[in-house]
């Protein structure tokens, strides 16, 4: 008797959600900010899919999840690299123990 056969199911992310891994870097200045640069592939898809919805400075509103922490912010286009930049709030970095040079996984959900 066959109790149950499970087919291996792939986890499919909705079209407005992107999982990525990037290195944390510090933007120099009087008030330095920590950022990650979204990978080129995800940036291209986001720009093609949501670029027409961009707000000031080309920003797109997003919900971000790193570890157990989620928050709302915006991603910003980087004209030099053609990718998007995600600023990391101090509060999130402290809670998730994130430092410059760390390679982190995160999920971005573009908001409509």
N, C-alpha and C. Protein backbone atom coordinates (compact mmCIF):
# COMPACT_ATOMS: atom_id res chain seq x y z
N UNK A 1 0.84 -1.16 0.00
CA UNK A 1 0.00 0.00 0.00
C UNK A 1 0.90 1.23 0.00
N UNK A 2 0.57 2.20 -0.87
CA UNK A 2 1.32 3.45 -0.96
C UNK A 2 0.63 4.47 -0.09
N UNK A 3 1.34 4.92 0.91
CA UNK A 3 0.77 5.90 1.84
C UNK A 3 0.71 7.27 1.21
N UNK A 4 1.74 7.67 0.54
CA UNK A 4 1.74 8.99 -0.08
C UNK A 4 3.03 9.22 -0.84
N UNK A 5 2.91 9.77 -1.97
CA UNK A 5 4.07 10.13 -2.78
C UNK A 5 4.04 11.64 -2.94
N UNK A 6 5.11 12.23 -2.56
CA UNK A 6 5.18 13.70 -2.68
C UNK A 6 6.10 14.06 -3.83
N UNK A 7 5.63 14.93 -4.65
CA UNK A 7 6.50 15.49 -5.68
C UNK A 7 7.26 16.63 -5.06
N UNK A 8 8.50 16.75 -5.44
CA UNK A 8 9.31 17.86 -4.95
C UNK A 8 8.76 19.15 -5.53
N UNK A 9 8.36 20.06 -4.68
CA UNK A 9 7.80 21.33 -5.13
C UNK A 9 8.83 22.43 -5.00
N UNK A 10 8.93 23.25 -6.03
CA UNK A 10 9.82 24.40 -5.99
C UNK A 10 9.10 25.56 -5.34
N UNK A 11 9.82 26.29 -4.56
CA UNK A 11 9.27 27.49 -3.96
C UNK A 11 9.30 28.60 -5.01
N UNK A 12 8.14 29.10 -5.33
CA UNK A 12 8.04 30.15 -6.34
C UNK A 12 7.72 31.47 -5.64
N UNK A 13 8.56 32.46 -5.87
CA UNK A 13 8.33 33.76 -5.27
C UNK A 13 7.37 34.56 -6.15
N UNK A 14 6.47 35.32 -5.55
CA UNK A 14 5.62 36.19 -6.36
C UNK A 14 6.47 37.14 -7.19
N UNK A 15 5.92 37.67 -8.24
CA UNK A 15 6.67 38.51 -9.17
C UNK A 15 7.18 39.81 -8.56
N UNK A 16 6.63 40.21 -7.44
CA UNK A 16 7.11 41.44 -6.82
C UNK A 16 8.07 41.16 -5.67
N UNK A 17 8.47 39.90 -5.47
CA UNK A 17 9.39 39.52 -4.38
C UNK A 17 10.67 38.96 -4.97
N UNK A 18 11.78 39.39 -4.37
CA UNK A 18 13.10 38.99 -4.87
C UNK A 18 13.98 38.64 -3.68
N UNK A 19 14.62 37.47 -3.76
CA UNK A 19 15.56 37.06 -2.73
C UNK A 19 16.95 37.23 -3.29
N UNK A 20 17.84 37.83 -2.50
CA UNK A 20 19.18 38.09 -3.00
C UNK A 20 20.18 38.03 -1.86
N UNK A 21 21.44 37.97 -2.25
CA UNK A 21 22.55 38.02 -1.30
C UNK A 21 23.53 39.06 -1.79
N UNK A 22 23.92 39.98 -0.91
CA UNK A 22 24.83 41.06 -1.29
C UNK A 22 25.73 41.40 -0.12
N UNK A 23 26.81 42.09 -0.43
CA UNK A 23 27.76 42.54 0.59
C UNK A 23 27.38 43.94 1.07
N UNK A 24 27.45 44.13 2.36
CA UNK A 24 27.15 45.43 2.98
C UNK A 24 28.35 46.34 2.78
N UNK A 25 28.07 47.58 2.33
CA UNK A 25 29.15 48.56 2.15
C UNK A 25 28.73 49.89 2.75
N UNK A 26 29.71 50.71 3.00
CA UNK A 26 29.48 51.99 3.67
C UNK A 26 29.69 53.14 2.69
N UNK A 27 28.67 53.99 2.58
CA UNK A 27 28.79 55.19 1.77
C UNK A 27 29.49 56.24 2.62
N UNK A 28 30.66 56.72 2.18
CA UNK A 28 31.41 57.67 3.01
C UNK A 28 30.76 59.06 3.02
N UNK A 29 30.97 59.76 4.06
CA UNK A 29 30.44 61.11 4.18
C UNK A 29 30.35 61.50 5.63
N UNK A 30 29.82 62.69 5.87
CA UNK A 30 29.69 63.17 7.25
C UNK A 30 28.73 62.29 8.04
N UNK A 31 27.69 61.81 7.38
CA UNK A 31 26.76 60.88 8.03
C UNK A 31 26.72 59.62 7.16
N UNK A 32 27.68 58.71 7.36
CA UNK A 32 27.76 57.53 6.49
C UNK A 32 26.55 56.61 6.63
N UNK A 33 26.14 56.03 5.52
CA UNK A 33 25.03 55.09 5.47
C UNK A 33 25.55 53.74 5.00
N UNK A 34 24.95 52.68 5.52
CA UNK A 34 25.24 51.32 5.07
C UNK A 34 24.24 50.95 3.98
N UNK A 35 24.74 50.30 2.94
CA UNK A 35 23.90 49.89 1.81
C UNK A 35 24.26 48.47 1.38
N UNK A 36 23.36 47.86 0.61
CA UNK A 36 23.69 46.71 -0.21
C UNK A 36 23.28 47.07 -1.63
N UNK A 37 24.00 46.54 -2.59
CA UNK A 37 23.69 46.73 -4.00
C UNK A 37 22.95 45.50 -4.48
N UNK A 38 21.74 45.69 -4.99
CA UNK A 38 21.00 44.55 -5.52
C UNK A 38 21.74 43.97 -6.73
N UNK A 39 21.68 42.66 -6.91
CA UNK A 39 22.33 42.05 -8.07
C UNK A 39 21.76 42.59 -9.38
N UNK A 40 22.59 42.57 -10.41
CA UNK A 40 22.20 43.10 -11.72
C UNK A 40 20.92 42.46 -12.25
N UNK A 41 20.83 41.14 -12.14
CA UNK A 41 19.67 40.43 -12.70
C UNK A 41 18.37 40.90 -12.06
N UNK A 42 18.33 40.95 -10.72
CA UNK A 42 17.12 41.41 -10.04
C UNK A 42 16.85 42.89 -10.34
N UNK A 43 17.90 43.69 -10.40
CA UNK A 43 17.73 45.12 -10.70
C UNK A 43 17.12 45.32 -12.08
N UNK A 44 17.57 44.56 -13.05
CA UNK A 44 17.03 44.67 -14.42
C UNK A 44 15.55 44.33 -14.44
N UNK A 45 15.18 43.24 -13.76
CA UNK A 45 13.78 42.81 -13.74
C UNK A 45 12.92 43.83 -13.01
N UNK A 46 13.41 44.34 -11.88
CA UNK A 46 12.65 45.33 -11.11
C UNK A 46 12.46 46.60 -11.95
N UNK A 47 13.50 47.06 -12.60
CA UNK A 47 13.39 48.27 -13.41
C UNK A 47 12.40 48.07 -14.56
N UNK A 48 12.49 46.94 -15.23
CA UNK A 48 11.60 46.65 -16.35
C UNK A 48 10.14 46.53 -15.89
N UNK A 49 9.94 45.88 -14.74
CA UNK A 49 8.59 45.61 -14.25
C UNK A 49 7.97 46.80 -13.52
N UNK A 50 8.78 47.52 -12.73
CA UNK A 50 8.22 48.56 -11.85
C UNK A 50 8.77 49.96 -12.10
N UNK A 51 9.70 50.12 -13.03
CA UNK A 51 10.35 51.41 -13.26
C UNK A 51 9.40 52.55 -13.54
N UNK A 52 8.27 52.26 -14.19
CA UNK A 52 7.30 53.32 -14.51
C UNK A 52 6.62 53.85 -13.24
N UNK A 53 6.70 53.11 -12.15
CA UNK A 53 6.08 53.53 -10.88
C UNK A 53 7.04 54.31 -9.99
N UNK A 54 8.24 54.56 -10.47
CA UNK A 54 9.27 55.20 -9.65
C UNK A 54 8.83 56.57 -9.15
N UNK A 55 9.28 56.88 -7.96
CA UNK A 55 8.97 58.16 -7.32
C UNK A 55 10.22 59.05 -7.40
N UNK A 56 10.34 60.03 -6.50
CA UNK A 56 11.47 60.95 -6.51
C UNK A 56 12.82 60.24 -6.55
N UNK A 57 13.73 60.77 -7.34
CA UNK A 57 15.07 60.21 -7.55
C UNK A 57 15.03 58.79 -8.10
N UNK A 58 13.91 58.38 -8.67
CA UNK A 58 13.79 57.04 -9.24
C UNK A 58 13.55 55.95 -8.21
N UNK A 59 13.21 56.35 -6.99
CA UNK A 59 13.05 55.38 -5.91
C UNK A 59 11.78 54.54 -6.06
N UNK A 60 11.84 53.34 -5.52
CA UNK A 60 10.69 52.45 -5.49
C UNK A 60 10.44 52.02 -4.05
N UNK A 61 9.19 52.11 -3.56
CA UNK A 61 8.89 51.67 -2.21
C UNK A 61 8.96 50.14 -2.12
N UNK A 62 9.57 49.64 -1.03
CA UNK A 62 9.72 48.20 -0.85
C UNK A 62 9.50 47.82 0.61
N UNK A 63 9.19 46.56 0.81
CA UNK A 63 9.21 45.95 2.14
C UNK A 63 10.41 45.01 2.11
N UNK A 64 11.25 45.09 3.12
CA UNK A 64 12.47 44.29 3.17
C UNK A 64 12.44 43.39 4.39
N UNK A 65 12.91 42.16 4.22
CA UNK A 65 13.06 41.24 5.35
C UNK A 65 14.49 40.72 5.37
N UNK A 66 15.13 40.90 6.52
CA UNK A 66 16.45 40.33 6.78
C UNK A 66 16.32 39.56 8.09
N UNK A 67 16.57 38.27 8.04
CA UNK A 67 16.41 37.46 9.25
C UNK A 67 14.98 37.52 9.74
N UNK A 68 14.79 37.98 10.97
CA UNK A 68 13.44 38.07 11.54
C UNK A 68 12.90 39.51 11.51
N UNK A 69 13.64 40.40 10.86
CA UNK A 69 13.29 41.82 10.86
C UNK A 69 12.74 42.24 9.50
N UNK A 70 11.58 42.89 9.50
CA UNK A 70 10.98 43.44 8.28
C UNK A 70 10.71 44.91 8.49
N UNK A 71 10.85 45.69 7.43
CA UNK A 71 10.55 47.13 7.49
C UNK A 71 10.28 47.64 6.09
N UNK A 72 9.71 48.84 6.03
CA UNK A 72 9.42 49.49 4.75
C UNK A 72 10.44 50.60 4.52
N UNK A 73 10.90 50.67 3.27
CA UNK A 73 11.87 51.68 2.89
C UNK A 73 11.75 51.86 1.38
N UNK A 74 12.77 52.37 0.76
CA UNK A 74 12.81 52.51 -0.70
C UNK A 74 14.16 52.04 -1.21
N UNK A 75 14.17 51.56 -2.45
CA UNK A 75 15.43 51.28 -3.13
C UNK A 75 15.65 52.40 -4.14
N UNK A 76 16.92 52.68 -4.41
CA UNK A 76 17.27 53.82 -5.26
C UNK A 76 18.16 53.35 -6.40
N UNK A 77 17.92 53.86 -7.62
CA UNK A 77 18.76 53.45 -8.74
C UNK A 77 20.17 54.04 -8.63
N UNK A 78 21.16 53.23 -9.00
CA UNK A 78 22.54 53.69 -9.06
C UNK A 78 22.90 53.79 -10.54
N UNK A 79 23.04 54.99 -11.02
CA UNK A 79 23.27 55.20 -12.45
C UNK A 79 24.61 54.63 -12.92
N UNK A 80 25.61 54.60 -12.04
CA UNK A 80 26.93 54.08 -12.43
C UNK A 80 26.87 52.59 -12.75
N UNK A 81 26.20 51.83 -11.88
CA UNK A 81 26.18 50.38 -12.05
C UNK A 81 24.93 49.85 -12.74
N UNK A 82 23.87 50.68 -12.80
CA UNK A 82 22.62 50.23 -13.39
C UNK A 82 21.82 49.32 -12.47
N UNK A 83 22.18 49.31 -11.19
CA UNK A 83 21.49 48.48 -10.22
C UNK A 83 20.72 49.36 -9.24
N UNK A 84 20.07 48.72 -8.27
CA UNK A 84 19.39 49.46 -7.20
C UNK A 84 20.19 49.33 -5.91
N UNK A 85 20.10 50.37 -5.08
CA UNK A 85 20.75 50.39 -3.78
C UNK A 85 19.70 50.32 -2.69
N UNK A 86 19.97 49.51 -1.68
CA UNK A 86 19.08 49.36 -0.53
C UNK A 86 19.78 49.90 0.70
N UNK A 87 19.27 50.98 1.31
CA UNK A 87 19.85 51.49 2.55
C UNK A 87 19.46 50.59 3.72
N UNK A 88 20.41 50.36 4.63
CA UNK A 88 20.15 49.52 5.80
C UNK A 88 20.11 50.40 7.05
N UNK A 89 18.94 50.45 7.67
CA UNK A 89 18.77 51.27 8.87
C UNK A 89 19.65 50.75 10.01
N UNK A 90 20.13 51.67 10.81
CA UNK A 90 20.97 51.34 11.96
C UNK A 90 20.25 50.35 12.89
N UNK A 91 18.97 50.60 13.12
CA UNK A 91 18.17 49.75 14.00
C UNK A 91 18.16 48.29 13.50
N UNK A 92 18.02 48.12 12.21
CA UNK A 92 17.99 46.78 11.61
C UNK A 92 19.37 46.12 11.72
N UNK A 93 20.41 46.89 11.40
CA UNK A 93 21.77 46.34 11.46
C UNK A 93 22.12 45.88 12.87
N UNK A 94 21.71 46.67 13.86
CA UNK A 94 21.99 46.29 15.25
C UNK A 94 21.22 45.03 15.64
N UNK A 95 19.95 44.99 15.30
CA UNK A 95 19.10 43.85 15.67
C UNK A 95 19.58 42.56 15.01
N UNK A 96 20.02 42.64 13.76
CA UNK A 96 20.44 41.45 13.00
C UNK A 96 21.95 41.23 13.01
N UNK A 97 22.68 42.07 13.75
CA UNK A 97 24.15 41.95 13.88
C UNK A 97 24.83 41.99 12.50
N UNK A 98 24.53 43.05 11.77
CA UNK A 98 25.06 43.23 10.41
C UNK A 98 26.13 44.32 10.44
N UNK A 99 27.26 44.02 9.79
CA UNK A 99 28.38 44.96 9.76
C UNK A 99 28.89 45.13 8.33
N UNK A 100 29.60 46.22 8.10
CA UNK A 100 30.21 46.47 6.79
C UNK A 100 31.06 45.25 6.40
N UNK A 101 30.91 44.83 5.15
CA UNK A 101 31.66 43.68 4.65
C UNK A 101 30.93 42.36 4.79
N UNK A 102 29.85 42.32 5.59
CA UNK A 102 29.06 41.08 5.72
C UNK A 102 28.33 40.79 4.42
N UNK A 103 28.18 39.54 4.10
CA UNK A 103 27.35 39.11 2.97
C UNK A 103 26.04 38.63 3.57
N UNK A 104 24.94 39.29 3.19
CA UNK A 104 23.65 39.00 3.83
C UNK A 104 22.61 38.57 2.80
N UNK A 105 21.68 37.72 3.25
CA UNK A 105 20.50 37.34 2.47
C UNK A 105 19.37 38.28 2.87
N UNK A 106 18.55 38.65 1.89
CA UNK A 106 17.41 39.51 2.17
C UNK A 106 16.33 39.24 1.12
N UNK A 107 15.11 39.61 1.47
CA UNK A 107 13.97 39.52 0.55
C UNK A 107 13.41 40.92 0.40
N UNK A 108 13.23 41.32 -0.85
CA UNK A 108 12.63 42.62 -1.16
C UNK A 108 11.29 42.39 -1.84
N UNK A 109 10.29 43.09 -1.35
CA UNK A 109 8.95 43.03 -1.95
C UNK A 109 8.60 44.44 -2.43
N UNK A 110 8.54 44.62 -3.74
CA UNK A 110 8.21 45.93 -4.30
C UNK A 110 6.74 46.21 -4.02
N UNK A 111 6.46 47.37 -3.44
CA UNK A 111 5.09 47.76 -3.07
C UNK A 111 4.42 48.50 -4.22
N UNK A 112 3.13 48.30 -4.33
CA UNK A 112 2.41 49.00 -5.41
C UNK A 112 1.82 50.30 -4.94
